[in-house]
Amino acid sequence: MVQPLVSKDLWSAVEPLIPKRGPHPEGGGPPVDDRGALTSILFVLKSGILLELLTLEMGCSSGMTC
C-alpha cells in the first residue's frame, strides 16, 4: 500500500497552524483544499519537478495556486 505524503498524524499536527480564511473581499473562486496544497508542495520538494508540472490530481487547481 502506498503511504500518503501527508499522513493523518502529520496533518493533525499541521492543520492547527494554518490560519482560517474569511471571505475574499474581491470575490473570486473557492479556495483550494489546504491538505491538497500541502501534499502538492511536499511532492514538488521530494521529486524536484517544477510547480508548473503539477497535475489536477494532486489537489490544487494549478501548481502556481499551491
Protein backbone atom coordinates (compact mmCIF):
# COMPACT_ATOMS: atom_id res chain seq x y z
CA MET A 1 0.00 0.00 0.00
CA VAL A 2 1.31 3.45 -0.91
CA GLN A 3 1.88 5.80 2.02
CA PRO A 4 0.36 9.27 1.58
CA LEU A 5 2.74 12.23 1.64
CA VAL A 6 0.60 13.87 4.32
CA SER A 7 -0.27 11.22 6.89
CA LYS A 8 -3.09 11.63 9.41
CA ASP A 9 -0.54 12.29 12.15
CA LEU A 10 1.29 14.94 10.13
CA TRP A 11 -1.96 16.62 9.11
CA SER A 12 -3.24 16.69 12.69
CA ALA A 13 -0.01 18.47 13.71
CA VAL A 14 -0.03 20.95 10.80
CA GLU A 15 -3.73 21.79 10.46
CA PRO A 16 -3.97 23.92 13.64
CA LEU A 17 -1.08 26.07 12.35
CA ILE A 18 -2.90 27.06 9.15
CA PRO A 19 -4.79 30.34 9.55
CA LYS A 20 -8.54 30.23 8.96
CA ARG A 21 -9.72 32.12 5.87
CA GLY A 22 -12.59 34.53 5.71
CA PRO A 23 -14.40 35.53 2.53
CA HIS A 24 -12.22 37.24 -0.04
CA PRO A 25 -13.28 40.90 -0.40
CA GLU A 26 -12.99 40.81 -4.19
CA GLY A 27 -14.86 37.55 -4.70
CA GLY A 28 -13.01 35.01 -6.81
CA GLY A 29 -13.17 31.25 -6.93
CA PRO A 30 -13.30 28.93 -3.97
CA PRO A 31 -10.02 28.37 -2.11
CA VAL A 32 -8.08 25.19 -2.72
CA ASP A 33 -8.05 22.44 -0.11
CA ASP A 34 -5.26 23.07 2.42
CA ARG A 35 -4.31 19.40 2.67
CA GLY A 36 -4.17 19.09 -1.11
CA ALA A 37 -1.96 22.18 -1.33
CA LEU A 38 0.41 20.80 1.32
CA THR A 39 0.55 17.43 -0.45
CA SER A 40 1.39 19.13 -3.73
CA ILE A 41 4.11 21.27 -2.17
CA LEU A 42 5.71 18.25 -0.47
CA PHE A 43 5.57 16.31 -3.74
CA VAL A 44 7.41 19.11 -5.55
CA LEU A 45 10.04 19.28 -2.82
CA LYS A 46 10.58 15.50 -2.78
CA SER A 47 10.55 14.94 -6.54
CA GLY A 48 12.23 18.11 -7.75
CA ILE A 49 9.69 18.77 -10.51
CA LEU A 50 8.58 22.29 -11.40
CA LEU A 51 5.39 23.63 -9.82
CA GLU A 52 4.01 24.22 -13.31
CA LEU A 53 4.09 20.47 -14.00
CA LEU A 54 1.72 19.52 -11.17
CA THR A 55 -1.49 17.88 -12.31
CA LEU A 56 -5.02 18.48 -11.05
CA GLU A 57 -4.98 15.09 -9.33
CA MET A 58 -2.53 16.44 -6.76
CA GLY A 59 -5.24 18.55 -5.13
CA CYS A 60 -4.58 22.05 -6.47
CA SER A 61 -6.10 23.79 -9.44
CA SER A 62 -2.56 24.51 -10.71
CA GLY A 63 0.99 24.42 -9.48
CA MET A 64 1.07 28.18 -9.08
CA THR A 65 -2.04 28.03 -6.87
CA CYS A 66 -0.19 25.80 -4.42
